Amino acid sequence: MGRTLSLLARLPRLEEDGVLHRRDCECVRCDAGFRPTEQEREEARRRIGEQKAREQAVRSEARRKERERMKLAVVDVYVDEQVRAADAQVQALRAARDRAASDPQLAQLWELRRAGWPLRDALEEVERRAARVSAND
């Protein structure tokens, strides 16, 4: 067991990139003199910086797309509400049209108005006709 612990103590210590050995690494490779050069360290730092920038750009793009999806969802909800309101209005107008079409007194009024009668005279005539019909019943 003591031997296993000594091997674990000499495992490589790596930089942030997970590849490059740190300066204070005491692994067998580094003890043998195969440490990374300063140029390799600088290259690794640059590579890590570029990778982080790419990851940040990807996250930023994902956030932008999510904001766009949310805006579209809000617009969709608004449009759906407007469509429902318009449908309700159309149904109400159709019901009113149907009621008006089935009202005989209103039909008589429209006929008189189309014939050129003034509104007051046409209303009086429709009331007279309605009174005659109810008197006959």
Protein backbone atom coordinates (compact mmCIF):
# COMPACT_ATOMS: atom_id res chain seq x y z
CA MET A 1 0.00 0.00 0.00
CA GLY A 2 2.87 2.38 0.70
CA ARG A 3 4.08 1.93 -2.83
CA THR A 4 0.69 2.89 -4.30
CA LEU A 5 0.61 6.08 -2.25
CA SER A 6 4.06 7.11 -3.42
CA LEU A 7 2.98 6.63 -7.05
CA LEU A 8 -0.15 8.72 -6.48
CA ALA A 9 1.92 11.49 -4.93
CA ARG A 10 3.94 11.70 -8.12
CA LEU A 11 0.98 12.04 -10.53
CA PRO A 12 1.19 15.00 -12.90
CA ARG A 13 -0.33 18.29 -11.81
CA LEU A 14 -1.97 19.91 -14.82
CA GLU A 15 -2.83 23.47 -15.81
CA GLU A 16 -6.40 24.66 -16.51
CA ASP A 17 -6.34 23.17 -19.98
CA GLY A 18 -5.92 19.67 -18.55
CA VAL A 19 -2.98 18.92 -20.84
CA LEU A 20 -0.02 21.09 -19.85
CA HIS A 21 1.98 20.22 -16.73
CA ARG A 22 2.18 22.98 -14.10
CA ARG A 23 5.45 24.58 -13.07
CA ASP A 24 5.32 22.92 -9.66
CA CYS A 25 4.62 19.46 -11.15
CA GLU A 26 6.80 16.78 -9.62
CA CYS A 27 5.85 13.87 -11.85
CA VAL A 28 8.48 11.53 -13.27
CA ARG A 29 8.38 13.20 -16.68
CA CYS A 30 8.95 16.69 -15.28
CA ASP A 31 11.69 15.41 -12.90
CA ALA A 32 13.44 13.97 -15.97
CA GLY A 33 13.56 17.48 -17.48
CA PHE A 34 10.70 17.28 -19.95
CA ARG A 35 8.86 20.30 -18.62
CA PRO A 36 6.83 22.51 -21.01
CA THR A 37 8.71 25.54 -22.31
CA GLU A 38 7.50 29.10 -21.79
CA GLN A 39 6.54 29.24 -25.45
CA GLU A 40 4.39 26.11 -25.00
CA ARG A 41 2.83 27.63 -21.90
CA GLU A 42 2.05 30.87 -23.78
CA GLU A 43 0.55 28.86 -26.67
CA ALA A 44 -1.58 26.89 -24.20
CA ARG A 45 -2.78 30.14 -22.54
CA ARG A 46 -3.71 31.56 -25.93
CA ARG A 47 -5.50 28.36 -26.88
CA ILE A 48 -7.43 28.33 -23.59
CA GLY A 49 -8.37 31.99 -24.07
CA GLU A 50 -9.64 31.32 -27.58
CA GLN A 51 -11.59 28.28 -26.38
CA LYS A 52 -13.19 30.29 -23.56
CA ALA A 53 -14.05 33.06 -26.03
CA ARG A 54 -15.69 30.53 -28.37
CA GLU A 55 -17.62 29.00 -25.48
CA GLN A 56 -18.74 32.47 -24.36
CA ALA A 57 -19.84 33.28 -27.91
CA VAL A 58 -21.83 30.05 -28.08
CA ARG A 59 -23.51 30.81 -24.73
CA SER A 60 -24.20 34.38 -25.83
CA GLU A 61 -25.74 33.17 -29.08
CA ALA A 62 -27.87 30.63 -27.20
CA ARG A 63 -29.11 33.39 -24.86
CA ARG A 64 -29.89 35.63 -27.85
CA LYS A 65 -31.82 32.86 -29.56
CA GLU A 66 -33.73 32.14 -26.34
CA ARG A 67 -34.65 35.83 -26.05
CA GLU A 68 -35.87 35.77 -29.65
CA ARG A 69 -37.93 32.64 -28.95
CA MET A 70 -39.44 34.31 -25.90
CA LYS A 71 -40.31 37.42 -27.91
CA LEU A 72 -41.94 35.25 -30.56
CA ALA A 73 -43.83 33.34 -27.90
CA VAL A 74 -45.12 36.60 -26.41
CA VAL A 75 -46.17 37.76 -29.88
CA ASP A 76 -47.84 34.40 -30.53
CA VAL A 77 -49.80 34.67 -27.28
CA TYR A 78 -50.84 38.23 -28.12
CA VAL A 79 -51.90 37.26 -31.65
CA ASP A 80 -53.82 34.26 -30.33
CA GLU A 81 -55.68 36.49 -27.89
CA GLN A 82 -56.48 38.98 -30.65
CA VAL A 83 -57.71 36.17 -32.92
CA ARG A 84 -59.97 34.84 -30.14
CA ALA A 85 -61.36 38.34 -29.53
CA ALA A 86 -61.97 38.84 -33.26
CA ASP A 87 -63.68 35.45 -33.49
CA ALA A 88 -65.93 36.38 -30.58
CA GLN A 89 -66.81 39.69 -32.27
CA VAL A 90 -67.56 37.97 -35.57
CA GLN A 91 -69.79 35.43 -33.81
CA ALA A 92 -71.64 38.25 -32.03
CA LEU A 93 -72.11 40.13 -35.31
CA ARG A 94 -73.37 36.99 -37.05
CA ALA A 95 -75.83 36.36 -34.22
CA ALA A 96 -77.05 39.98 -34.45
CA ARG A 97 -77.39 39.66 -38.23
CA ASP A 98 -79.40 36.47 -37.81
CA ARG A 99 -81.66 38.10 -35.23
CA ALA A 100 -82.14 41.12 -37.49
CA ALA A 101 -82.89 38.94 -40.50
CA SER A 102 -85.57 37.06 -38.58
CA ASP A 103 -87.30 40.22 -37.26
CA PRO A 104 -90.28 41.06 -39.57
CA GLN A 105 -90.66 44.62 -38.24
CA LEU A 106 -87.05 45.42 -38.99
CA ALA A 107 -87.47 43.96 -42.49
CA GLN A 108 -90.48 46.25 -43.05
CA LEU A 109 -88.48 49.24 -41.79
CA TRP A 110 -85.66 48.47 -44.21
CA GLU A 111 -88.09 48.13 -47.10
CA LEU A 112 -89.66 51.51 -46.30
CA ARG A 113 -86.27 53.19 -45.90
CA ARG A 114 -85.07 51.74 -49.23
CA ALA A 115 -88.29 53.07 -50.81
CA GLY A 116 -87.21 56.55 -49.70
CA TRP A 117 -89.38 57.08 -46.64
CA PRO A 118 -87.96 59.35 -43.92
CA LEU A 119 -86.95 57.51 -40.78
CA ARG A 120 -89.67 58.99 -38.56
CA ASP A 121 -92.43 58.19 -41.07
CA ALA A 122 -91.08 54.68 -41.67
CA LEU A 123 -91.01 53.98 -37.90
CA GLU A 124 -94.59 55.22 -37.49
CA GLU A 125 -95.75 53.06 -40.42
CA VAL A 126 -94.05 49.95 -38.99
CA GLU A 127 -95.69 50.61 -35.61
CA ARG A 128 -99.11 51.05 -37.26
CA ARG A 129 -98.71 47.77 -39.13
CA ALA A 130 -97.62 45.99 -35.94
CA ALA A 131 -100.61 47.43 -34.10
CA ARG A 132 -102.97 46.17 -36.86
CA VAL A 133 -101.42 42.69 -36.76
CA SER A 134 -101.72 42.48 -32.96
CA ALA A 135 -105.32 43.81 -33.11
CA ASN A 136 -106.23 41.10 -35.62
CA ASP A 137 -104.81 38.36 -33.41
